Amino acid sequence: MNFYCYRCRTSLPAGARFCSNCGAVVVATVPPQGRPLVRPIIGRQIAGVWIGLAQANGWDVSIVRIVAVVGFFFTGGLVAVGYLAGWIGIPEEPITAPGVYPPPRV
């Protein structure tokens, strides 16, 4: 993973703490771990494609659904084709029963 100075955009080695060009302090941040792209069981309206997409990217599900409805009207149904593709292609969230031993192997 390449690191760059935020001030002068110089490429830096992986363990650098200071920029060798301008001397600015370099803070290496780890990107936050998102949820996997799955269609959740709880909270979905039809197939759970929009809520799965929203949760995987950290978006608000209401905004995603509103954009989908508006996009459906402006694209002539192309969003519906994408929804069907997501319904087929995105796996469903596995059901875990509380208190089951041993846990299922994935």
Foldseek 3Di string as FASTA:
>chain_A
DWFADPPPRDIDDPPDQADPPPGHGGDDDDDDQFDDQAQEPPPDDPQRNLVSVCRRVVHDSVVSVVCLVVCCVVVVRPSVVVVVCSSVPHHHDDDDDPPDPPGDDD
